[in-house]
Every structure is written in C-alpha cells, then in structure tokens.
Amino acid sequence: MSSNPELNSFAQAIPLDKIRYDERGLVPAIVQDYLDGTVLMLAWMNRESLQKTLETGETWFWSRSRTELWHKGATSGHIQKVRSLRYDCDSDAILISAEQIGDIACHTGERSCFHREDGQIVPPPADTLSQLFAIISDRRDNPQEGSYTCKLLAGGDNKILKKIGEESAEVVMAFKDDEPDAIAGEVADLLYHTLVALAHHHVDLKDVYRKLQQRRR
C-alpha cells in the first residue's frame, strides 16, 4: 500500500469491486488540481490501474489505443501525485484530486487538456481567485493603458500597500457595522488588492493555497 495515509484509508474504505466498470472493464477518471480545482484531464482506468494508483500514490491509467497500462508522466516527468480519490453516486466515475508536477497535464504542453474554447487556446477555468490572479499577473507582464491594475502595479509597494491598509480598515468597519453586503464587498476589495501585491512580488497564489493546505491539518 502507499505510505500516504489518505490513500490507504480510501483503499480500505472503498474496495475495488465497489467501482462499477463498463462492459470493457473501464471507468472514466477525472483528474483535478488539488489546490485550485482546475480540471486537468480525463482518462480511463481499469481495476489494475486503479490498484496501482492506490499502491503508488501516483496516477496510472489504461490506454485504449495502445491497450496497455500507462503511468502518467513516466516519460515527461509530469507525474500526478494523488491527494484524494472519490467516486460518484453511481459508482461509475472517479474523481482524482492531484498535485500536477511541472504544472503540465496535456501532451500538447498545456496545463489542462481542456484548453480549447471556440477554436482558441484559453486557460482552463479554476476557482475565482485563481482566475483573477491570472488576469492580474497578465496585466503585470502585459501592461494595458487605462487599466487600474496596471496603475497600481506601476506605483509599486507604496501605492499597493497603501490600498491594502485602506481596504483593511474598511473591512473592519464593515464587520463592525454588521452589514452583510458591505462586508462581502469590502472583503472582495481587500482580496483583490492582496492579489495585486502577490503578483507584484511574484508570489504565486498557489503557494498561498499550499500554506493553507498544510495548516488545515
């Protein structure tokens, strides 16, 4: 068994024969980033690949085209370290929460296999904060005239940190006044300006998520 207690617990609580495989002996497996929820890929598992995934703590799948097992990232180095596994209400689909090493899941070099929209390559959807941080980071790397975010970044720490101080005070006052809509709005402003500061200092939002994950336990 894997040294990961979460995987051991899953394997003990959910026997392999509880999963409902199709007539080919396969079950679809969706892989999702464990930090920001991005759907990275969809592949197929059979009983053996699921067993190897549980034993190694890394994803293994069944290739329908090559009719063989394959270890994700064995050649590229972009392995997926499993953080948790779930199965759906019908027991015929698996959801894998994983840490994608190298941040590339697709063979095309994109982060996610689901990177196409209206014929164009676009970043895959993630949680709201991650998507906002991506926009802010793009404004940092590709300034646009008239952008409030660009003006903040151009002002550096003096301008950005001043705004964080102001927004923090407004958050406190909103809570003090116990106004739910105002609280939500002020917290949103504080989060936005904090993300700008992170981008200015080239600190990835996912590093913040990792800290929160570590402290959760």
Protein backbone atom coordinates (compact mmCIF):
# COMPACT_ATOMS: atom_id res chain seq x y z
CA MET A 1 0.00 0.00 0.00
CA SER A 2 1.02 3.65 -0.36
CA SER A 3 2.70 5.43 2.54
CA ASN A 4 0.08 8.15 2.10
CA PRO A 5 -2.47 7.54 4.90
CA GLU A 6 -5.24 9.22 2.89
CA LEU A 7 -4.83 6.71 0.05
CA ASN A 8 -4.62 3.79 2.47
CA SER A 9 -7.83 4.94 4.10
CA PHE A 10 -9.56 5.21 0.70
CA ALA A 11 -8.43 1.73 -0.35
CA GLN A 12 -9.67 0.23 2.89
CA ALA A 13 -13.00 2.06 2.84
CA ILE A 14 -13.77 1.50 -0.86
CA PRO A 15 -12.91 -1.97 -2.20
CA LEU A 16 -12.02 -2.15 -5.86
CA ASP A 17 -15.06 -4.27 -6.59
CA LYS A 18 -17.33 -1.44 -5.42
CA ILE A 19 -16.49 0.52 -8.58
CA ARG A 20 -18.86 -0.17 -11.48
CA TYR A 21 -16.74 -0.75 -14.58
CA ASP A 22 -18.32 -0.71 -18.04
CA GLU A 23 -18.54 -3.68 -20.41
CA ARG A 24 -14.86 -3.14 -21.32
CA GLY A 25 -13.83 -3.20 -17.68
CA LEU A 26 -13.14 0.54 -17.68
CA VAL A 27 -14.24 3.53 -15.64
CA PRO A 28 -13.68 7.23 -16.51
CA ALA A 29 -11.32 9.10 -14.20
CA ILE A 30 -11.30 12.91 -13.99
CA VAL A 31 -8.12 14.49 -12.63
CA GLN A 32 -8.48 17.81 -10.85
CA ASP A 33 -5.82 20.12 -9.38
CA TYR A 34 -5.94 19.74 -5.62
CA LEU A 35 -5.33 23.44 -4.98
CA ASP A 36 -7.43 25.48 -7.40
CA GLY A 37 -9.85 22.88 -8.73
CA THR A 38 -8.78 23.07 -12.37
CA VAL A 39 -9.89 20.01 -14.37
CA LEU A 40 -6.61 18.74 -15.80
CA MET A 41 -7.63 15.71 -17.85
CA LEU A 42 -9.93 12.76 -18.32
CA ALA A 43 -8.59 9.25 -18.81
CA TRP A 44 -9.70 5.66 -18.30
CA MET A 45 -8.91 3.23 -15.53
CA ASN A 46 -9.39 -0.47 -15.17
CA ARG A 47 -9.15 -2.44 -11.94
CA GLU A 48 -5.39 -2.92 -12.28
CA SER A 49 -4.58 0.73 -12.97
CA LEU A 50 -6.74 1.83 -10.05
CA GLN A 51 -4.94 -0.68 -7.85
CA LYS A 52 -1.53 0.65 -8.96
CA THR A 53 -2.71 4.21 -8.35
CA LEU A 54 -3.65 3.29 -4.80
CA GLU A 55 -0.38 1.42 -4.23
CA THR A 56 1.97 4.08 -5.63
CA GLY A 57 0.15 7.33 -4.83
CA GLU A 58 0.60 8.39 -8.48
CA THR A 59 -1.91 8.11 -11.32
CA TRP A 60 -1.97 5.09 -13.60
CA PHE A 61 -4.44 4.69 -16.45
CA TRP A 62 -5.45 2.26 -19.19
CA SER A 63 -4.64 3.32 -22.75
CA ARG A 64 -7.46 2.27 -25.07
CA SER A 65 -5.38 2.97 -28.18
CA ARG A 66 -2.28 1.06 -27.03
CA THR A 67 -4.23 -1.46 -24.92
CA GLU A 68 -1.78 -1.19 -22.06
CA LEU A 69 -1.29 0.42 -18.66
CA TRP A 70 0.44 3.78 -18.57
CA HIS A 71 1.96 5.71 -15.72
CA LYS A 72 1.15 9.39 -16.16
CA GLY A 73 4.38 11.37 -16.51
CA ALA A 74 6.69 8.36 -16.67
CA THR A 75 8.31 9.78 -19.83
CA SER A 76 7.79 13.53 -19.44
CA GLY A 77 8.32 13.72 -15.69
CA HIS A 78 4.92 15.39 -15.30
CA ILE A 79 3.60 12.87 -12.82
CA GLN A 80 0.47 13.34 -10.74
CA LYS A 81 0.69 12.83 -7.01
CA VAL A 82 -2.70 11.74 -5.73
CA ARG A 83 -4.13 13.69 -2.81
CA SER A 84 -7.55 12.06 -2.67
CA LEU A 85 -9.91 9.86 -4.67
CA ARG A 86 -13.69 9.96 -4.78
CA TYR A 87 -16.32 8.10 -6.73
CA ASP A 88 -19.69 9.39 -7.82
CA CYS A 89 -23.17 8.45 -6.61
CA ASP A 90 -23.49 5.70 -9.24
CA SER A 91 -20.01 4.31 -8.53
CA ASP A 92 -19.19 4.53 -12.25
CA ALA A 93 -16.83 7.53 -12.35
CA ILE A 94 -13.77 8.51 -10.33
CA LEU A 95 -12.58 11.97 -9.32
CA ILE A 96 -8.88 12.26 -8.52
CA SER A 97 -7.53 15.27 -6.68
CA ALA A 98 -3.85 15.51 -7.57
CA GLU A 99 -0.74 17.62 -7.44
CA GLN A 100 0.42 18.01 -11.03
CA ILE A 101 4.22 18.05 -11.10
CA GLY A 102 5.51 20.55 -13.64
CA ASP A 103 2.01 22.06 -13.91
CA ILE A 104 1.54 20.41 -17.32
CA ALA A 105 -1.05 17.66 -17.74
CA CYS A 106 -1.67 17.75 -21.50
CA HIS A 107 0.65 16.17 -24.08
CA THR A 108 0.43 19.42 -26.05
CA GLY A 109 2.29 21.25 -23.30
CA GLU A 110 -0.80 22.99 -21.92
CA ARG A 111 -1.67 22.85 -18.25
CA SER A 112 -5.02 21.17 -18.92
CA CYS A 113 -6.33 19.01 -21.74
CA PHE A 114 -9.44 21.23 -21.62
CA HIS A 115 -7.73 24.32 -23.02
CA ARG A 116 -9.80 24.90 -26.14
CA GLU A 117 -12.73 27.29 -26.40
CA ASP A 118 -14.31 28.43 -29.67
CA GLY A 119 -11.27 27.15 -31.55
CA GLN A 120 -8.85 29.18 -29.44
CA ILE A 121 -6.42 28.19 -26.71
CA VAL A 122 -7.55 29.71 -23.42
CA PRO A 123 -6.59 28.96 -19.81
CA PRO A 124 -8.83 26.33 -18.21
CA PRO A 125 -11.32 27.58 -15.62
CA ALA A 126 -10.25 27.42 -12.00
CA ASP A 127 -11.59 28.92 -8.78
CA THR A 128 -12.44 32.62 -8.88
CA LEU A 129 -9.35 33.82 -7.01
CA SER A 130 -7.03 31.85 -9.30
CA GLN A 131 -8.70 33.26 -12.40
CA LEU A 132 -8.47 36.79 -11.04
CA PHE A 133 -4.83 36.29 -10.11
CA ALA A 134 -4.11 35.07 -13.65
CA ILE A 135 -5.61 38.29 -15.06
CA ILE A 136 -3.62 40.45 -12.63
CA SER A 137 -0.41 38.59 -13.49
CA ASP A 138 -1.11 39.13 -17.18
CA ARG A 139 -1.58 42.86 -16.56
CA ARG A 140 1.80 42.85 -14.81
CA ASP A 141 3.51 41.13 -17.75
CA ASN A 142 1.49 42.85 -20.49
CA PRO A 143 0.51 46.34 -19.28
CA GLN A 144 -2.63 47.86 -20.77
CA GLU A 145 -3.29 51.56 -20.96
CA GLY A 146 -6.10 52.72 -18.69
CA SER A 147 -6.03 49.58 -16.52
CA TYR A 148 -6.48 50.26 -12.79
CA THR A 149 -4.46 47.14 -12.02
CA CYS A 150 -1.59 48.40 -14.17
CA LYS A 151 -1.65 51.76 -12.39
CA LEU A 152 -1.39 50.00 -9.05
CA LEU A 153 1.49 47.83 -10.22
CA ALA A 154 3.28 50.83 -11.70
CA GLY A 155 3.01 52.57 -8.32
CA GLY A 156 4.85 49.72 -6.63
CA ASP A 157 4.67 48.92 -2.94
CA ASN A 158 3.92 52.48 -1.89
CA LYS A 159 0.67 52.57 -3.83
CA ILE A 160 -0.30 48.90 -3.44
CA LEU A 161 0.34 48.60 0.29
CA LYS A 162 -1.39 51.90 0.98
CA LYS A 163 -4.52 50.49 -0.67
CA ILE A 164 -4.25 47.28 1.35
CA GLY A 165 -4.13 49.37 4.53
CA GLU A 166 -7.16 51.38 3.48
CA GLU A 167 -9.15 48.32 2.45
CA SER A 168 -8.26 46.53 5.70
CA ALA A 169 -9.69 49.40 7.70
CA GLU A 170 -12.85 49.39 5.59
CA VAL A 171 -13.24 45.65 6.16
CA VAL A 172 -13.04 46.19 9.91
CA MET A 173 -15.67 48.92 9.77
CA ALA A 174 -17.99 46.78 7.61
CA PHE A 175 -17.83 43.96 10.15
CA LYS A 176 -18.36 46.43 12.97
CA ASP A 177 -21.49 47.74 11.25
CA ASP A 178 -22.66 44.16 10.64
CA GLU A 179 -23.77 44.82 7.06
CA PRO A 180 -23.52 41.55 5.06
CA ASP A 181 -23.45 43.16 1.60
CA ALA A 182 -20.88 45.73 2.66
CA ILE A 183 -18.79 43.03 4.32
CA ALA A 184 -18.76 40.96 1.13
CA GLY A 185 -17.85 43.98 -0.98
CA GLU A 186 -15.05 45.20 1.27
CA VAL A 187 -13.55 41.73 1.65
CA ALA A 188 -13.63 41.38 -2.15
CA ASP A 189 -11.71 44.68 -2.45
CA LEU A 190 -9.15 43.53 0.12
CA LEU A 191 -8.65 40.19 -1.63
CA TYR A 192 -8.18 41.92 -4.98
CA HIS A 193 -5.53 44.33 -3.67
CA THR A 194 -3.77 41.48 -1.85
CA LEU A 195 -3.61 39.55 -5.12
CA VAL A 196 -2.06 42.61 -6.78
CA ALA A 197 0.61 42.67 -4.07
CA LEU A 198 1.30 38.96 -4.57
CA ALA A 199 1.69 39.46 -8.32
CA HIS A 200 3.95 42.48 -7.78
CA HIS A 201 6.27 40.38 -5.62
CA HIS A 202 5.99 37.35 -7.94
CA VAL A 203 4.49 35.13 -5.25
CA ASP A 204 2.16 32.56 -6.81
CA LEU A 205 -1.31 32.30 -5.34
CA LYS A 206 -0.87 28.52 -5.35
CA ASP A 207 1.94 28.97 -2.81
CA VAL A 208 -0.62 30.60 -0.51
CA TYR A 209 -3.00 27.70 -1.11
CA ARG A 210 -0.22 25.26 -0.21
CA LYS A 211 0.32 27.04 3.10
CA LEU A 212 -3.39 26.82 3.85
CA GLN A 213 -3.42 23.14 2.92
CA GLN A 214 -0.52 22.47 5.29
CA ARG A 215 -2.17 24.34 8.14
CA ARG A 216 -5.54 22.67 7.63
CA ARG A 217 -4.27 19.56 9.34
